C-alpha cells in the first residue's frame, strides 16, 4: 500500500468521524432549543447569551487547535 493510499484512508476516516461529531453537536443544539421552548423551563436572554458565548469560545479554540495541527502537517 502506497503512502497516498494510507493517507487517503486516514483522511476518509477523519472526515467520517468528524462528521458524526458535528451531527451530534447539531442535535444537541436542537435539544437546547426545544428545552428553552418547554413550558416548565425558563430561558432568559442572559442565560442564552452566556451559553452561546461558551459554545462560541469552545468552537474558536477547537478551530485554532485544528488549524495549528494542519500547519505542522
N, C-alpha and C. Protein backbone atom coordinates (compact mmCIF):
# COMPACT_ATOMS: atom_id res chain seq x y z
N UNK A 1 0.85 -1.18 0.00
CA UNK A 1 0.00 0.00 0.00
C UNK A 1 0.89 1.24 0.00
N UNK A 2 0.62 2.16 -0.89
CA UNK A 2 1.45 3.35 -1.00
C UNK A 2 1.06 4.39 0.06
N UNK A 3 1.92 5.39 0.20
CA UNK A 3 1.67 6.45 1.17
C UNK A 3 0.37 7.18 0.87
N UNK A 4 0.10 7.45 -0.40
CA UNK A 4 -1.12 8.18 -0.78
C UNK A 4 -2.36 7.39 -0.42
N UNK A 5 -2.33 6.06 -0.57
CA UNK A 5 -3.48 5.24 -0.22
C UNK A 5 -3.72 5.26 1.28
N UNK A 6 -2.66 5.17 2.07
CA UNK A 6 -2.79 5.22 3.53
C UNK A 6 -3.30 6.59 3.96
N UNK A 7 -2.71 7.62 3.40
CA UNK A 7 -3.11 8.98 3.75
C UNK A 7 -4.58 9.20 3.40
N UNK A 8 -4.99 8.72 2.25
CA UNK A 8 -6.37 8.88 1.82
C UNK A 8 -7.32 8.12 2.75
N UNK A 9 -6.93 6.93 3.16
CA UNK A 9 -7.75 6.13 4.08
C UNK A 9 -7.89 6.84 5.42
N UNK A 10 -6.79 7.40 5.92
CA UNK A 10 -6.82 8.12 7.19
C UNK A 10 -7.68 9.37 7.08
N UNK A 11 -7.60 10.04 5.94
CA UNK A 11 -8.40 11.24 5.75
C UNK A 11 -9.88 10.91 5.72
N UNK A 12 -10.24 9.85 5.00
CA UNK A 12 -11.65 9.43 4.95
C UNK A 12 -12.15 9.08 6.35
N UNK A 13 -11.31 8.42 7.12
CA UNK A 13 -11.69 8.06 8.50
C UNK A 13 -11.94 9.32 9.33
N UNK A 14 -11.03 10.30 9.21
CA UNK A 14 -11.21 11.55 9.94
C UNK A 14 -12.50 12.24 9.54
N UNK A 15 -12.73 12.37 8.25
CA UNK A 15 -13.93 13.06 7.76
C UNK A 15 -15.18 12.36 8.26
N UNK A 16 -15.20 11.03 8.20
CA UNK A 16 -16.36 10.27 8.64
C UNK A 16 -16.62 10.49 10.14
N UNK A 17 -15.57 10.39 10.95
CA UNK A 17 -15.74 10.54 12.40
C UNK A 17 -16.05 11.99 12.79
N UNK A 18 -15.40 12.94 12.14
CA UNK A 18 -15.65 14.35 12.44
C UNK A 18 -17.07 14.75 12.06
N UNK A 19 -17.56 14.19 10.95
CA UNK A 19 -18.93 14.47 10.53
C UNK A 19 -19.93 13.95 11.55
N UNK A 20 -19.68 12.76 12.09
CA UNK A 20 -20.56 12.22 13.13
C UNK A 20 -20.56 13.11 14.36
N UNK A 21 -19.39 13.60 14.74
CA UNK A 21 -19.30 14.50 15.90
C UNK A 21 -20.08 15.79 15.64
N UNK A 22 -19.94 16.35 14.44
CA UNK A 22 -20.65 17.58 14.09
C UNK A 22 -22.15 17.37 14.12
N UNK A 23 -22.60 16.20 13.64
CA UNK A 23 -24.03 15.90 13.67
C UNK A 23 -24.55 15.80 15.10
N UNK A 24 -23.74 15.22 16.00
CA UNK A 24 -24.14 15.12 17.41
C UNK A 24 -24.25 16.51 18.03
N UNK A 25 -23.30 17.38 17.71
CA UNK A 25 -23.34 18.74 18.23
C UNK A 25 -24.60 19.44 17.74
N UNK A 26 -24.91 19.29 16.47
CA UNK A 26 -26.11 19.91 15.90
C UNK A 26 -27.37 19.41 16.60
N UNK A 27 -27.45 18.11 16.83
CA UNK A 27 -28.62 17.54 17.51
C UNK A 27 -28.74 18.06 18.93
N UNK A 28 -27.62 18.22 19.62
CA UNK A 28 -27.67 18.72 20.99
C UNK A 28 -28.09 20.18 21.04
N UNK A 29 -27.67 20.96 20.05
CA UNK A 29 -28.13 22.34 19.98
C UNK A 29 -29.63 22.39 19.73
N UNK A 30 -30.12 21.50 18.87
CA UNK A 30 -31.57 21.41 18.63
C UNK A 30 -32.30 21.07 19.92
N UNK A 31 -31.73 20.18 20.73
CA UNK A 31 -32.35 19.82 22.01
C UNK A 31 -32.38 21.01 22.97
N UNK A 32 -31.33 21.83 22.94
CA UNK A 32 -31.32 23.02 23.78
C UNK A 32 -32.44 23.96 23.40
N UNK A 33 -32.68 24.11 22.11
CA UNK A 33 -33.75 24.98 21.64
C UNK A 33 -35.10 24.44 22.10
N UNK A 34 -35.30 23.14 21.95
CA UNK A 34 -36.55 22.54 22.40
C UNK A 34 -36.74 22.71 23.90
N UNK A 35 -35.67 22.54 24.66
CA UNK A 35 -35.74 22.72 26.10
C UNK A 35 -36.13 24.15 26.46
N UNK A 36 -35.59 25.11 25.72
CA UNK A 36 -35.91 26.52 26.01
C UNK A 36 -37.37 26.84 25.72
N UNK A 37 -37.98 26.07 24.82
CA UNK A 37 -39.38 26.29 24.48
C UNK A 37 -40.33 25.54 25.42
N UNK A 38 -39.78 24.65 26.23
CA UNK A 38 -40.61 23.85 27.12
C UNK A 38 -41.26 24.74 28.17
N UNK A 39 -42.51 24.52 28.43
CA UNK A 39 -43.25 25.41 29.33
C UNK A 39 -42.80 25.32 30.78
N UNK A 40 -42.10 24.25 31.17
CA UNK A 40 -41.65 24.12 32.55
C UNK A 40 -40.26 24.70 32.77
N UNK A 41 -39.64 25.18 31.70
CA UNK A 41 -38.30 25.76 31.79
C UNK A 41 -38.36 27.24 31.44
N UNK A 42 -37.52 28.00 32.09
CA UNK A 42 -37.45 29.43 31.80
C UNK A 42 -36.07 29.75 31.25
N UNK A 43 -36.04 30.25 30.04
CA UNK A 43 -34.78 30.65 29.42
C UNK A 43 -34.78 32.17 29.28
N UNK A 44 -33.86 32.80 29.97
CA UNK A 44 -33.74 34.26 29.88
C UNK A 44 -32.66 34.62 28.87
N UNK A 45 -32.75 35.82 28.36
CA UNK A 45 -31.80 36.29 27.35
C UNK A 45 -30.36 36.21 27.86
N UNK A 46 -30.15 36.55 29.13
CA UNK A 46 -28.80 36.48 29.71
C UNK A 46 -28.27 35.05 29.71
N UNK A 47 -29.14 34.09 30.00
CA UNK A 47 -28.74 32.69 30.00
C UNK A 47 -28.32 32.25 28.61
N UNK A 48 -29.12 32.62 27.63
CA UNK A 48 -28.84 32.24 26.24
C UNK A 48 -27.52 32.86 25.80
N UNK A 49 -27.31 34.12 26.13
CA UNK A 49 -26.07 34.80 25.77
C UNK A 49 -24.87 34.11 26.39
N UNK A 50 -24.97 33.76 27.65
CA UNK A 50 -23.87 33.10 28.36
C UNK A 50 -23.59 31.71 27.78
N UNK A 51 -24.63 30.95 27.50
CA UNK A 51 -24.48 29.61 26.94
C UNK A 51 -23.79 29.66 25.59
N UNK A 52 -24.27 30.54 24.71
CA UNK A 52 -23.69 30.59 23.38
C UNK A 52 -22.32 31.24 23.35
N UNK A 53 -22.01 32.09 24.32
CA UNK A 53 -20.65 32.62 24.43
C UNK A 53 -19.68 31.47 24.75
N UNK A 54 -20.09 30.58 25.63
CA UNK A 54 -19.26 29.42 25.96
C UNK A 54 -19.10 28.49 24.76
N UNK A 55 -20.18 28.28 24.02
CA UNK A 55 -20.13 27.43 22.83
C UNK A 55 -19.20 28.05 21.78
N UNK A 56 -19.34 29.35 21.55
CA UNK A 56 -18.52 30.03 20.56
C UNK A 56 -17.04 30.02 20.96
N UNK A 57 -16.77 30.16 22.26
CA UNK A 57 -15.39 30.13 22.74
C UNK A 57 -14.79 28.74 22.51
N UNK A 58 -15.56 27.71 22.80
CA UNK A 58 -15.08 26.34 22.56
C UNK A 58 -14.83 26.09 21.09
N UNK A 59 -15.73 26.59 20.24
CA UNK A 59 -15.55 26.41 18.80
C UNK A 59 -14.30 27.13 18.30
N UNK A 60 -14.07 28.34 18.77
CA UNK A 60 -12.91 29.11 18.35
C UNK A 60 -11.62 28.42 18.78
N UNK A 61 -11.61 27.90 20.00
CA UNK A 61 -10.42 27.21 20.50
C UNK A 61 -10.17 25.92 19.72
N UNK A 62 -11.22 25.16 19.45
CA UNK A 62 -11.07 23.92 18.68
C UNK A 62 -10.57 24.23 17.27
N UNK A 63 -11.11 25.27 16.66
CA UNK A 63 -10.69 25.66 15.31
C UNK A 63 -9.21 26.04 15.31
N UNK A 64 -8.80 26.82 16.31
CA UNK A 64 -7.41 27.24 16.41
C UNK A 64 -6.48 26.03 16.55
N UNK A 65 -6.87 25.07 17.38
CA UNK A 65 -6.06 23.87 17.59
C UNK A 65 -5.97 23.03 16.32
N UNK A 66 -7.10 22.89 15.62
CA UNK A 66 -7.08 22.10 14.38
C UNK A 66 -6.27 22.79 13.30
N UNK A 67 -6.33 24.11 13.22
CA UNK A 67 -5.53 24.83 12.24
C UNK A 67 -4.04 24.70 12.56
N UNK A 68 -3.70 24.70 13.85
CA UNK A 68 -2.30 24.54 14.25
C UNK A 68 -1.78 23.16 13.86
N UNK A 69 -2.61 22.14 14.03
CA UNK A 69 -2.23 20.78 13.64
C UNK A 69 -2.02 20.71 12.13
N UNK A 70 -2.91 21.34 11.38
CA UNK A 70 -2.80 21.30 9.93
C UNK A 70 -1.59 22.07 9.41
N UNK A 71 -1.16 23.10 10.12
CA UNK A 71 0.00 23.86 9.72
C UNK A 71 1.28 23.04 9.88
N UNK A 72 1.31 22.15 10.88
CA UNK A 72 2.50 21.34 11.13
C UNK A 72 2.58 20.16 10.19
N UNK A 73 1.46 19.80 9.56
CA UNK A 73 1.46 18.65 8.63
C UNK A 73 1.87 19.04 7.26
